[in-house]
PDB file of N, CA and C in Angstrom:
ATOM      1  N   MET A   1       0.848  -1.171   0.000  1.00  0.00           N
ATOM      2  CA  MET A   1       0.000   0.000   0.000  1.00  0.00           C
ATOM      3  C   MET A   1       0.894   1.234   0.000  1.00  0.00           C
ATOM      4  N   SER A   2       0.602   2.150  -0.873  1.00  0.00           N
ATOM      5  CA  SER A   2       1.390   3.372  -0.928  1.00  0.00           C
ATOM      6  C   SER A   2       0.939   4.336   0.162  1.00  0.00           C
ATOM      7  N   GLU A   3       1.771   5.351   0.432  1.00  0.00           N
ATOM      8  CA  GLU A   3       1.424   6.352   1.438  1.00  0.00           C
ATOM      9  C   GLU A   3       0.138   7.080   1.053  1.00  0.00           C
ATOM     10  N   GLN A   4      -0.080   7.333  -0.247  1.00  0.00           N
ATOM     11  CA  GLN A   4      -1.299   8.006  -0.712  1.00  0.00           C
ATOM     12  C   GLN A   4      -2.530   7.185  -0.365  1.00  0.00           C
ATOM     13  N   GLN A   5      -2.460   5.848  -0.497  1.00  0.00           N
ATOM     14  CA  GLN A   5      -3.601   4.994  -0.216  1.00  0.00           C
ATOM     15  C   GLN A   5      -3.949   4.971   1.263  1.00  0.00           C
ATOM     16  N   ALA A   6      -3.010   5.279   2.136  1.00  0.00           N
ATOM     17  CA  ALA A   6      -3.226   5.222   3.570  1.00  0.00           C
ATOM     18  C   ALA A   6      -3.796   6.525   4.125  1.00  0.00           C
ATOM     19  N   LEU A   7      -4.020   7.517   3.271  1.00  0.00           N
ATOM     20  CA  LEU A   7      -4.523   8.810   3.726  1.00  0.00           C
ATOM     21  C   LEU A   7      -6.047   8.846   3.762  1.00  0.00           C
ATOM     22  N   TRP A   8      -6.586   9.411   4.827  1.00  0.00           N
ATOM     23  CA  TRP A   8      -8.010   9.700   4.939  1.00  0.00           C
ATOM     24  C   TRP A   8      -8.161  11.186   4.644  1.00  0.00           C
ATOM     25  N   SER A   9      -9.204  11.556   3.936  1.00  0.00           N
ATOM     26  CA  SER A   9      -9.470  12.963   3.628  1.00  0.00           C
ATOM     27  C   SER A   9     -10.787  13.390   4.238  1.00  0.00           C
ATOM     28  N   VAL A  10     -10.801  14.611   4.776  1.00  0.00           N
ATOM     29  CA  VAL A  10     -12.024  15.210   5.309  1.00  0.00           C
ATOM     30  C   VAL A  10     -12.176  16.554   4.608  1.00  0.00           C
ATOM     31  N   GLU A  11     -13.288  16.721   3.922  1.00  0.00           N
ATOM     32  CA  GLU A  11     -13.542  17.954   3.173  1.00  0.00           C
ATOM     33  C   GLU A  11     -14.268  18.975   4.049  1.00  0.00           C
ATOM     34  N   LYS A  12     -14.305  20.203   3.594  1.00  0.00           N
ATOM     35  CA  LYS A  12     -14.991  21.286   4.297  1.00  0.00           C
ATOM     36  C   LYS A  12     -16.459  20.910   4.515  1.00  0.00           C
ATOM     37  N   GLY A  13     -16.944  21.060   5.750  1.00  0.00           N
ATOM     38  CA  GLY A  13     -18.327  20.757   6.083  1.00  0.00           C
ATOM     39  C   GLY A  13     -18.613  19.287   6.331  1.00  0.00           C
ATOM     40  N   GLU A  14     -17.595  18.443   6.256  1.00  0.00           N
ATOM     41  CA  GLU A  14     -17.749  17.006   6.429  1.00  0.00           C
ATOM     42  C   GLU A  14     -17.285  16.602   7.824  1.00  0.00           C
ATOM     43  N   ALA A  15     -17.863  15.547   8.369  1.00  0.00           N
ATOM     44  CA  ALA A  15     -17.420  14.985   9.647  1.00  0.00           C
ATOM     45  C   ALA A  15     -17.355  13.469   9.501  1.00  0.00           C
ATOM     46  N   LEU A  16     -16.346  12.863  10.103  1.00  0.00           N
ATOM     47  CA  LEU A  16     -16.199  11.409  10.099  1.00  0.00           C
ATOM     48  C   LEU A  16     -16.380  10.889  11.515  1.00  0.00           C
ATOM     49  N   SER A  17     -17.165   9.851  11.654  1.00  0.00           N
ATOM     50  CA  SER A  17     -17.326   9.184  12.936  1.00  0.00           C
ATOM     51  C   SER A  17     -16.677   7.812  12.821  1.00  0.00           C
ATOM     52  N   LEU A  18     -15.688   7.548  13.669  1.00  0.00           N
ATOM     53  CA  LEU A  18     -14.947   6.290  13.606  1.00  0.00           C
ATOM     54  C   LEU A  18     -14.942   5.592  14.954  1.00  0.00           C
ATOM     55  N   MET A  19     -14.979   4.249  14.933  1.00  0.00           N
ATOM     56  CA  MET A  19     -14.718   3.458  16.127  1.00  0.00           C
ATOM     57  C   MET A  19     -13.330   2.872  15.938  1.00  0.00           C
ATOM     58  N   ILE A  20     -12.437   3.131  16.869  1.00  0.00           N
ATOM     59  CA  ILE A  20     -11.036   2.730  16.752  1.00  0.00           C
ATOM     60  C   ILE A  20     -10.870   1.250  17.072  1.00  0.00           C
ATOM     61  N   GLY A  21     -10.081   0.554  16.256  1.00  0.00           N
ATOM     62  CA  GLY A  21      -9.773  -0.838  16.537  1.00  0.00           C
ATOM     63  C   GLY A  21      -9.694  -1.658  15.264  1.00  0.00           C
ATOM     64  N   PRO A  22      -9.315  -2.887  15.371  1.00  0.00           N
ATOM     65  CA  PRO A  22      -8.918  -3.513  16.626  1.00  0.00           C
ATOM     66  C   PRO A  22      -7.561  -2.986  17.085  1.00  0.00           C
ATOM     67  N   GLY A  23      -7.401  -2.815  18.339  1.00  0.00           N
ATOM     68  CA  GLY A  23      -6.158  -2.289  18.895  1.00  0.00           C
ATOM     69  C   GLY A  23      -6.100  -0.779  18.829  1.00  0.00           C
ATOM     70  N   ALA A  24      -5.162  -0.213  19.563  1.00  0.00           N
ATOM     71  CA  ALA A  24      -4.969   1.238  19.607  1.00  0.00           C
ATOM     72  C   ALA A  24      -4.436   1.738  18.271  1.00  0.00           C
ATOM     73  N   ARG A  25      -4.623   3.021  18.020  1.00  0.00           N
ATOM     74  CA  ARG A  25      -4.133   3.654  16.797  1.00  0.00           C
ATOM     75  C   ARG A  25      -3.565   5.022  17.152  1.00  0.00           C
ATOM     76  N   ALA A  26      -2.700   5.522  16.294  1.00  0.00           N
ATOM     77  CA  ALA A  26      -2.221   6.900  16.394  1.00  0.00           C
ATOM     78  C   ALA A  26      -2.798   7.636  15.192  1.00  0.00           C
ATOM     79  N   LEU A  27      -3.493   8.743  15.436  1.00  0.00           N
ATOM     80  CA  LEU A  27      -4.001   9.576  14.353  1.00  0.00           C
ATOM     81  C   LEU A  27      -2.975  10.669  14.123  1.00  0.00           C
ATOM     82  N   GLN A  28      -2.420  10.728  12.914  1.00  0.00           N
ATOM     83  CA  GLN A  28      -1.404  11.721  12.573  1.00  0.00           C
ATOM     84  C   GLN A  28      -1.921  12.592  11.435  1.00  0.00           C
ATOM     85  N   VAL A  29      -1.952  13.905  11.673  1.00  0.00           N
ATOM     86  CA  VAL A  29      -2.429  14.844  10.660  1.00  0.00           C
ATOM     87  C   VAL A  29      -1.309  15.094   9.653  1.00  0.00           C
ATOM     88  N   VAL A  30      -1.633  14.923   8.374  1.00  0.00           N
ATOM     89  CA  VAL A  30      -0.659  15.101   7.298  1.00  0.00           C
ATOM     90  C   VAL A  30      -0.790  16.487   6.670  1.00  0.00           C
ATOM     91  N   GLN A  31      -2.030  16.955   6.526  1.00  0.00           N
ATOM     92  CA  GLN A  31      -2.270  18.248   5.896  1.00  0.00           C
ATOM     93  C   GLN A  31      -3.495  18.898   6.538  1.00  0.00           C
ATOM     94  N   GLY A  32      -3.439  20.213   6.746  1.00  0.00           N
ATOM     95  CA  GLY A  32      -4.577  20.949   7.298  1.00  0.00           C
ATOM     96  C   GLY A  32      -4.659  20.849   8.816  1.00  0.00           C
ATOM     97  N   ARG A  33      -5.863  21.074   9.339  1.00  0.00           N
ATOM     98  CA  ARG A  33      -6.131  20.983  10.781  1.00  0.00           C
ATOM     99  C   ARG A  33      -7.373  20.137  11.000  1.00  0.00           C
ATOM    100  N   VAL A  34      -7.393  19.383  12.095  1.00  0.00           N
ATOM    101  CA  VAL A  34      -8.573  18.598  12.448  1.00  0.00           C
ATOM    102  C   VAL A  34      -9.024  18.934  13.865  1.00  0.00           C
ATOM    103  N   TRP A  35     -10.317  18.822  14.051  1.00  0.00           N
ATOM    104  CA  TRP A  35     -10.967  18.989  15.353  1.00  0.00           C
ATOM    105  C   TRP A  35     -11.455  17.608  15.746  1.00  0.00           C
ATOM    106  N   ILE A  36     -11.000  17.110  16.896  1.00  0.00           N
ATOM    107  CA  ILE A  36     -11.295  15.741  17.312  1.00  0.00           C
ATOM    108  C   ILE A  36     -12.078  15.747  18.623  1.00  0.00           C
ATOM    109  N   THR A  37     -13.202  15.032  18.608  1.00  0.00           N
ATOM    110  CA  THR A  37     -13.989  14.807  19.815  1.00  0.00           C
ATOM    111  C   THR A  37     -13.898  13.318  20.122  1.00  0.00           C
ATOM    112  N   GLN A  38     -13.393  12.978  21.322  1.00  0.00           N
ATOM    113  CA  GLN A  38     -13.221  11.586  21.727  1.00  0.00           C
ATOM    114  C   GLN A  38     -14.242  11.236  22.797  1.00  0.00           C
ATOM    115  N   SER A  39     -14.830  10.033  22.708  1.00  0.00           N
ATOM    116  CA  SER A  39     -15.770   9.584  23.726  1.00  0.00           C
ATOM    117  C   SER A  39     -15.046   9.457  25.064  1.00  0.00           C
ATOM    118  N   GLY A  40     -15.683   9.944  26.119  1.00  0.00           N
ATOM    119  CA  GLY A  40     -15.110   9.823  27.450  1.00  0.00           C
ATOM    120  C   GLY A  40     -14.060  10.861  27.801  1.00  0.00           C
ATOM    121  N   HIS A  41     -13.805  11.812  26.916  1.00  0.00           N
ATOM    122  CA  HIS A  41     -12.832  12.873  27.180  1.00  0.00           C
ATOM    123  C   HIS A  41     -13.587  14.186  27.345  1.00  0.00           C
ATOM    124  N   GLY A  42     -13.194  14.981  28.301  1.00  0.00           N
ATOM    125  CA  GLY A  42     -13.892  16.223  28.590  1.00  0.00           C
ATOM    126  C   GLY A  42     -13.631  17.345  27.604  1.00  0.00           C
ATOM    127  N   GLU A  43     -12.490  17.332  26.950  1.00  0.00           N
ATOM    128  CA  GLU A  43     -12.132  18.430  26.053  1.00  0.00           C
ATOM    129  C   GLU A  43     -11.852  17.917  24.647  1.00  0.00           C
ATOM    130  N   ASP A  44     -12.211  18.730  23.661  1.00  0.00           N
ATOM    131  CA  ASP A  44     -11.887  18.417  22.275  1.00  0.00           C
ATOM    132  C   ASP A  44     -10.440  18.803  21.989  1.00  0.00           C
ATOM    133  N   LEU A  45      -9.900  18.269  20.907  1.00  0.00           N
ATOM    134  CA  LEU A  45      -8.517  18.550  20.507  1.00  0.00           C
ATOM    135  C   LEU A  45      -8.484  19.205  19.140  1.00  0.00           C
ATOM    136  N   TRP A  46      -7.551  20.131  18.946  1.00  0.00           N
ATOM    137  CA  TRP A  46      -7.221  20.684  17.636  1.00  0.00           C
ATOM    138  C   TRP A  46      -5.827  20.203  17.306  1.00  0.00           C
ATOM    139  N   LEU A  47      -5.657  19.585  16.142  1.00  0.00           N
ATOM    140  CA  LEU A  47      -4.344  19.130  15.702  1.00  0.00           C
ATOM    141  C   LEU A  47      -4.039  19.717  14.329  1.00  0.00           C
ATOM    142  N   ALA A  48      -2.805  20.141  14.134  1.00  0.00           N
ATOM    143  CA  ALA A  48      -2.341  20.669  12.851  1.00  0.00           C
ATOM    144  C   ALA A  48      -1.413  19.650  12.202  1.00  0.00           C
ATOM    145  N   ALA A  49      -1.070  19.891  10.945  1.00  0.00           N
ATOM    146  CA  ALA A  49      -0.170  18.998  10.206  1.00  0.00           C
ATOM    147  C   ALA A  49       1.095  18.729  11.017  1.00  0.00           C
ATOM    148  N   GLY A  50       1.461  17.455  11.112  1.00  0.00           N
ATOM    149  CA  GLY A  50       2.641  17.051  11.867  1.00  0.00           C
ATOM    150  C   GLY A  50       2.333  16.628  13.295  1.00  0.00           C
ATOM    151  N   GLN A  51       1.141  16.929  13.792  1.00  0.00           N
ATOM    152  CA  GLN A  51       0.778  16.550  15.156  1.00  0.00           C
ATOM    153  C   GLN A  51       0.003  15.240  15.151  1.00  0.00           C
ATOM    154  N   SER A  52       0.017  14.533  16.307  1.00  0.00           N
ATOM    155  CA  SER A  52      -0.693  13.257  16.401  1.00  0.00           C
ATOM    156  C   SER A  52      -1.270  13.076  17.795  1.00  0.00           C
ATOM    157  N   VAL A  53      -2.179  12.112  17.910  1.00  0.00           N
ATOM    158  CA  VAL A  53      -2.800  11.770  19.185  1.00  0.00           C
ATOM    159  C   VAL A  53      -2.983  10.254  19.216  1.00  0.00           C
ATOM    160  N   GLN A  54      -2.826   9.670  20.391  1.00  0.00           N
ATOM    161  CA  GLN A  54      -3.050   8.242  20.580  1.00  0.00           C
ATOM    162  C   GLN A  54      -4.529   8.008  20.855  1.00  0.00           C
ATOM    163  N   LEU A  55      -5.103   7.011  20.198  1.00  0.00           N
ATOM    164  CA  LEU A  55      -6.514   6.672  20.357  1.00  0.00           C
ATOM    165  C   LEU A  55      -6.629   5.234  20.844  1.00  0.00           C
ATOM    166  N   ASP A  56      -7.449   5.017  21.855  1.00  0.00           N
ATOM    167  CA  ASP A  56      -7.610   3.682  22.436  1.00  0.00           C
ATOM    168  C   ASP A  56      -8.569   2.824  21.622  1.00  0.00           C
ATOM    169  N   ALA A  57      -8.366   1.511  21.663  1.00  0.00           N
ATOM    170  CA  ALA A  57      -9.252   0.569  20.989  1.00  0.00           C
ATOM    171  C   ALA A  57     -10.666   0.708  21.554  1.00  0.00           C
ATOM    172  N   GLY A  58     -11.655   0.674  20.684  1.00  0.00           N
ATOM    173  CA  GLY A  58     -13.043   0.766  21.097  1.00  0.00           C
ATOM    174  C   GLY A  58     -13.545   2.178  21.307  1.00  0.00           C
ATOM    175  N   GLU A  59     -12.662   3.147  21.188  1.00  0.00           N
ATOM    176  CA  GLU A  59     -13.030   4.547  21.404  1.00  0.00           C
ATOM    177  C   GLU A  59     -13.787   5.084  20.189  1.00  0.00           C
ATOM    178  N   ASP A  60     -14.864   5.833  20.444  1.00  0.00           N
ATOM    179  CA  ASP A  60     -15.577   6.528  19.373  1.00  0.00           C
ATOM    180  C   ASP A  60     -14.960   7.905  19.198  1.00  0.00           C
ATOM    181  N   VAL A  61     -14.689   8.271  17.945  1.00  0.00           N
ATOM    182  CA  VAL A  61     -14.011   9.525  17.639  1.00  0.00           C
ATOM    183  C   VAL A  61     -14.777  10.239  16.526  1.00  0.00           C
ATOM    184  N   LEU A  62     -15.008  11.539  16.703  1.00  0.00           N
ATOM    185  CA  LEU A  62     -15.603  12.373  15.667  1.00  0.00           C
ATOM    186  C   LEU A  62     -14.517  13.315  15.164  1.00  0.00           C
ATOM    187  N   ILE A  63     -14.310  13.344  13.848  1.00  0.00           N
ATOM    188  CA  ILE A  63     -13.232  14.131  13.248  1.00  0.00           C
ATOM    189  C   ILE A  63     -13.821  15.112  12.238  1.00  0.00           C
ATOM    190  N   GLU A  64     -13.491  16.388  12.408  1.00  0.00           N
ATOM    191  CA  GLU A  64     -13.888  17.431  11.464  1.00  0.00           C
ATOM    192  C   GLU A  64     -12.638  18.177  11.029  1.00  0.00           C
ATOM    193  N   ALA A  65     -12.678  18.766   9.831  1.00  0.00           N
ATOM    194  CA  ALA A  65     -11.510  19.467   9.280  1.00  0.00           C
ATOM    195  C   ALA A  65     -11.728  20.972   9.290  1.00  0.00           C
ATOM    196  N   TRP A  66     -10.600  21.706   9.251  1.00  0.00           N
ATOM    197  CA  TRP A  66     -10.663  23.155   9.145  1.00  0.00           C
ATOM    198  C   TRP A  66      -9.684  23.620   8.099  1.00  0.00           C
ATOM    199  N   PRO A  67      -9.985  24.017   6.941  1.00  0.00           N
ATOM    200  CA  PRO A  67     -11.272  23.767   6.288  1.00  0.00           C
ATOM    201  C   PRO A  67     -11.320  22.362   5.695  1.00  0.00           C
ATOM    202  N   GLU A  68     -10.168  21.821   5.266  1.00  0.00           N
ATOM    203  CA  GLU A  68     -10.101  20.420   4.871  1.00  0.00           C
ATOM    204  C   GLU A  68      -8.773  19.859   5.376  1.00  0.00           C
ATOM    205  N   ALA A  69      -8.698  18.529   5.467  1.00  0.00           N
ATOM    206  CA  ALA A  69      -7.494  17.927   6.038  1.00  0.00           C
ATOM    207  C   ALA A  69      -7.304  16.505   5.531  1.00  0.00           C
ATOM    208  N   GLN A  70      -6.079  16.014   5.720  1.00  0.00           N
ATOM    209  CA  GLN A  70      -5.750  14.619   5.467  1.00  0.00           C
ATOM    210  C   GLN A  70      -5.030  14.088   6.699  1.00  0.00           C
ATOM    211  N   PHE A  71      -5.326  12.829   7.044  1.00  0.00           N
ATOM    212  CA  PHE A  71      -4.679  12.220   8.201  1.00  0.00           C
ATOM    213  C   PHE A  71      -4.481  10.736   7.950  1.00  0.00           C
ATOM    214  N   GLN A  72      -3.661  10.132   8.805  1.00  0.00           N
ATOM    215  CA  GLN A  72      -3.413   8.694   8.767  1.00  0.00           C
ATOM    216  C   GLN A  72      -3.788   8.101  10.113  1.00  0.00           C
ATOM    217  N   LEU A  73      -4.281   6.864  10.094  1.00  0.00           N
ATOM    218  CA  LEU A  73      -4.477   6.087  11.315  1.00  0.00           C
ATOM    219  C   LEU A  73      -3.395   5.020  11.326  1.00  0.00           C
ATOM    220  N   LEU A  74      -2.451   5.150  12.241  1.00  0.00           N
ATOM    221  CA  LEU A  74      -1.284   4.281  12.282  1.00  0.00           C
ATOM    222  C   LEU A  74      -1.383   3.287  13.420  1.00  0.00           C
ATOM    223  N   VAL A  75      -0.884   2.084  13.182  1.00  0.00           N
ATOM    224  CA  VAL A  75      -0.812   1.065  14.228  1.00  0.00           C
ATOM    225  C   VAL A  75       0.489   1.293  14.982  1.00  0.00           C
ATOM    226  N   PRO A  76       0.410   1.483  16.322  1.00  0.00           N
ATOM    227  CA  PRO A  76       1.644   1.695  17.078  1.00  0.00           C
ATOM    228  C   PRO A  76       2.572   0.485  16.954  1.00  0.00           C
ATOM    229  N   PRO A  77       3.875   0.722  17.029  1.00  0.00           N
ATOM    230  CA  PRO A  77       4.819  -0.394  16.931  1.00  0.00           C
ATOM    231  C   PRO A  77       4.677  -1.344  18.104  1.00  0.00           C
ATOM    232  N   CYS A  78       5.078  -2.564  17.883  1.00  0.00           N
ATOM    233  CA  CYS A  78       5.032  -3.607  18.899  1.00  0.00           C
ATOM    234  C   CYS A  78       6.420  -3.718  19.537  1.00  0.00           C
ATOM    235  N   VAL A  79       6.464  -3.790  20.838  1.00  0.00           N
ATOM    236  CA  VAL A  79       7.730  -3.933  21.558  1.00  0.00           C
ATOM    237  C   VAL A  79       7.985  -5.414  21.783  1.00  0.00           C
ATOM    238  N   ARG A  80       9.158  -5.850  21.415  1.00  0.00           N
ATOM    239  CA  ARG A  80       9.538  -7.247  21.631  1.00  0.00           C
ATOM    240  C   ARG A  80      10.145  -7.404  23.019  1.00  0.00           C
ATOM    241  N   VAL A  81       9.567  -8.291  23.798  1.00  0.00           N
ATOM    242  CA  VAL A  81      10.075  -8.574  25.134  1.00  0.00           C
ATOM    243  C   VAL A  81      10.724  -9.949  25.085  1.00  0.00           C
ATOM    244  N   ARG A  82      11.979  -9.995  25.494  1.00  0.00           N
ATOM    245  CA  ARG A  82      12.699 -11.265  25.463  1.00  0.00           C
ATOM    246  C   ARG A  82      13.213 -11.588  26.852  1.00  0.00           C
ATOM    247  N   LYS A  83      13.072 -12.836  27.222  1.00  0.00           N
ATOM    248  CA  LYS A  83      13.607 -13.319  28.494  1.00  0.00           C
ATOM    249  C   LYS A  83      15.013 -13.845  28.242  1.00  0.00           C
ATOM    250  N   ALA A  84      15.851 -13.756  29.248  1.00  0.00           N
ATOM    251  CA  ALA A  84      17.215 -14.283  29.127  1.00  0.00           C
ATOM    252  C   ALA A  84      17.154 -15.809  29.031  1.00  0.00           C
ATOM    253  N   VAL A  85      17.679 -16.351  27.957  1.00  0.00           N
ATOM    254  CA  VAL A  85      17.717 -17.799  27.751  1.00  0.00           C
ATOM    255  C   VAL A  85      19.083 -18.171  27.195  1.00  0.00           C
ATOM    256  N   TRP A  86      19.373 -19.463  27.157  1.00  0.00           N
ATOM    257  CA  TRP A  86      20.705 -19.901  26.766  1.00  0.00           C
ATOM    258  C   TRP A  86      20.826 -20.318  25.305  1.00  0.00           C
ATOM    259  N   THR A  87      19.743 -20.696  24.651  1.00  0.00           N
ATOM    260  CA  THR A  87      19.850 -21.165  23.266  1.00  0.00           C
ATOM    261  C   THR A  87      18.939 -20.351  22.352  1.00  0.00           C
ATOM    262  N   TRP A  88      19.305 -20.255  21.079  1.00  0.00           N
ATOM    263  CA  TRP A  88      18.496 -19.505  20.116  1.00  0.00           C
ATOM    264  C   TRP A  88      17.089 -20.062  19.943  1.00  0.00           C
ATOM    265  N   PRO A  89      16.902 -21.365  19.806  1.00  0.00           N
ATOM    266  CA  PRO A  89      15.519 -21.855  19.655  1.00  0.00           C
ATOM    267  C   PRO A  89      14.635 -21.449  20.838  1.00  0.00           C
ATOM    268  N   ARG A  90      15.182 -21.501  22.056  1.00  0.00           N
ATOM    269  CA  ARG A  90      14.401 -21.093  23.225  1.00  0.00           C
ATOM    270  C   ARG A  90      14.149 -19.591  23.198  1.00  0.00           C
ATOM    271  N   LEU A  91      15.122 -18.808  22.711  1.00  0.00           N
ATOM    272  CA  LEU A  91      14.956 -17.365  22.611  1.00  0.00           C
ATOM    273  C   LEU A  91      13.785 -17.027  21.685  1.00  0.00           C
ATOM    274  N   LEU A  92      13.724 -17.699  20.551  1.00  0.00           N
ATOM    275  CA  LEU A  92      12.652 -17.429  19.595  1.00  0.00           C
ATOM    276  C   LEU A  92      11.288 -17.815  20.172  1.00  0.00           C
ATOM    277  N   ARG A  93      11.232 -18.894  20.939  1.00  0.00           N
ATOM    278  CA  ARG A  93       9.962 -19.311  21.536  1.00  0.00           C
ATOM    279  C   ARG A  93       9.534 -18.370  22.654  1.00  0.00           C
ATOM    280  N   SER A  94      10.475 -17.703  23.347  1.00  0.00           N
ATOM    281  CA  SER A  94      10.129 -16.879  24.490  1.00  0.00           C
ATOM    282  C   SER A  94       9.779 -15.445  24.113  1.00  0.00           C
ATOM    283  N   ALA A  95      10.036 -15.058  22.861  1.00  0.00           N
ATOM    284  CA  ALA A  95       9.734 -13.660  22.453  1.00  0.00           C
ATOM    285  C   ALA A  95       8.227 -13.486  22.358  1.00  0.00           C
ATOM    286  N   SER A  96       7.735 -12.385  22.898  1.00  0.00           N
ATOM    287  CA  SER A  96       6.303 -12.092  22.801  1.00  0.00           C
ATOM    288  C   SER A  96       6.129 -10.628  22.425  1.00  0.00           C
ATOM    289  N   CYS A  97       4.975 -10.322  21.915  1.00  0.00           N
ATOM    290  CA  CYS A  97       4.684  -8.973  21.453  1.00  0.00           C
ATOM    291  C   CYS A  97       3.784  -8.271  22.453  1.00  0.00           C
ATOM    292  N   VAL A  98       4.219  -7.081  22.901  1.00  0.00           N
ATOM    293  CA  VAL A  98       3.461  -6.293  23.843  1.00  0.00           C
ATOM    294  C   VAL A  98       3.283  -4.901  23.247  1.00  0.00           C
ATOM    295  N   PRO A  99       2.033  -4.382  23.197  1.00  0.00           N
ATOM    296  CA  PRO A  99       1.846  -3.040  22.636  1.00  0.00           C
ATOM    297  C   PRO A  99       2.685  -2.004  23.379  1.00  0.00           C
ATOM    298  N   ALA A 100       3.229  -1.060  22.629  1.00  0.00           N
ATOM    299  CA  ALA A 100       4.082  -0.021  23.221  1.00  0.00           C
ATOM    300  C   ALA A 100       3.263   0.933  24.045  1.00  0.00           C
TER     301      ALA A 100
END
């Protein structure tokens, strides 16, 4: 998938309602400004190009643009946790993925 294909666009006067998941996501603004209302949060957010916010899985989010914007929903990287072991086969079996 190219970077262009991964972009979401919000036009003037448009609003997007999204449920985040599966798993957490990072919303990163690529162009313009967005106004974000998150379920369970007391204050709305304004983000400009280059800024991002972490969104929890299952969270409802309303996104509006000023006047139009493009953003990406990114999957946070996975942290590899390894236990001290003596052999490579055991090392590979003991590695697990934990969200960052």
